[in-house]
C-alpha cells in the first residue's frame, strides 16, 4: 500500500494524505473525488484521485532519474499514470 500525495489548489504545494492504495487499486477509483484537509491553506479541498501521486512511486521515479543523470545515462523515465 502507498499513501497518496495531493497538491494544494491555492498554494500549489504538495502534501501527504491519509489516503492510501495500490497502483492497481487506483484503477477502480480513478474517477472518484475525495475531500482532503490541506495543511498549507487550512481548507478542505475536493480532489480527484487521478490528480494524486503515489508517494513511493514518485520517490522511486525521482531516485531512478537522479541516478541515471548522475551516471551519465538518459534521465528519461516512463510517465507515472
Protein backbone atom coordinates (compact mmCIF):
# COMPACT_ATOMS: atom_id res chain seq x y z
CA UNK A 1 0.00 0.00 0.00
CA UNK A 2 1.13 3.51 -0.78
CA UNK A 3 -0.07 6.86 0.51
CA UNK A 4 -1.35 9.45 -1.94
CA UNK A 5 0.19 12.91 -2.26
CA UNK A 6 -2.05 15.80 -3.29
CA UNK A 7 -1.37 19.36 -4.38
CA UNK A 8 -2.91 22.37 -2.65
CA UNK A 9 -5.14 24.18 -5.12
CA UNK A 10 -4.20 27.58 -3.69
CA UNK A 11 -0.50 27.36 -2.75
CA UNK A 12 0.43 24.64 -5.26
CA UNK A 13 2.44 22.86 -2.54
CA UNK A 14 2.30 19.08 -2.26
CA UNK A 15 1.02 17.41 0.91
CA UNK A 16 0.76 13.82 2.00
CA UNK A 17 -2.69 12.48 2.70
CA UNK A 18 -4.02 9.72 4.89
CA UNK A 19 -5.46 8.03 1.78
CA UNK A 20 -3.61 5.02 0.51
CA UNK A 21 -3.97 2.50 -2.26
CA UNK A 22 -2.03 0.25 -4.56
CA UNK A 23 -1.22 1.24 -8.14
CA UNK A 24 -3.61 -1.48 -9.34
CA UNK A 25 -6.35 -0.40 -6.91
CA UNK A 26 -6.29 3.15 -8.24
CA UNK A 27 -7.81 1.94 -11.49
CA UNK A 28 -11.02 1.12 -9.58
CA UNK A 29 -11.31 4.62 -8.06
CA UNK A 30 -9.58 6.66 -10.77
CA UNK A 31 -12.60 8.91 -11.41
CA UNK A 32 -13.54 9.30 -7.72
CA UNK A 33 -13.23 12.54 -5.78
CA UNK A 34 -12.15 12.85 -2.14
CA UNK A 35 -12.08 15.60 0.48
CA UNK A 36 -8.59 16.27 1.83
CA UNK A 37 -7.61 18.66 4.61
CA UNK A 38 -4.75 20.87 3.42
CA UNK A 39 -2.05 21.74 5.97
CA UNK A 40 -0.96 24.81 3.96
CA UNK A 41 -4.14 26.82 3.42
CA UNK A 42 -6.09 25.03 6.19
CA UNK A 43 -9.04 24.35 3.89
CA UNK A 44 -10.72 21.19 2.67
CA UNK A 45 -10.01 20.51 -0.98
CA UNK A 46 -12.13 18.37 -3.25
CA UNK A 47 -9.52 16.46 -5.23
CA UNK A 48 -9.87 13.90 -7.98
CA UNK A 49 -7.93 10.72 -7.30
CA UNK A 50 -6.41 10.92 -10.78
CA UNK A 51 -4.67 14.15 -9.67
CA UNK A 52 -2.84 12.35 -6.84
CA UNK A 53 0.68 10.97 -6.84
CA UNK A 54 1.57 7.72 -5.20
CA UNK A 55 4.32 8.79 -2.79
CA UNK A 56 6.51 5.67 -3.08
CA UNK A 57 6.13 5.51 -6.86
CA UNK A 58 7.02 9.17 -7.27
CA UNK A 59 10.01 8.85 -4.94
CA UNK A 60 11.24 5.79 -6.83
CA UNK A 61 10.93 7.57 -10.19
CA UNK A 62 12.88 10.58 -8.88
CA UNK A 63 15.61 8.33 -7.46
CA UNK A 64 15.91 6.45 -10.77
CA UNK A 65 16.09 9.70 -12.74
CA UNK A 66 18.70 11.14 -10.36
CA UNK A 67 20.83 8.02 -10.57
CA UNK A 68 20.65 7.96 -14.35
CA UNK A 69 21.62 11.61 -14.73
CA UNK A 70 24.50 11.32 -12.25
CA UNK A 71 25.83 8.22 -14.02
CA UNK A 72 25.60 9.87 -17.43
CA UNK A 73 22.71 7.69 -18.61
CA UNK A 74 19.50 9.09 -20.03
CA UNK A 75 17.22 10.57 -17.36
CA UNK A 76 14.07 9.59 -19.26
CA UNK A 77 11.57 7.55 -17.30
CA UNK A 78 8.17 6.17 -18.14
CA UNK A 79 5.37 8.59 -17.27
CA UNK A 80 3.58 7.96 -13.99
CA UNK A 81 -0.09 7.43 -14.62
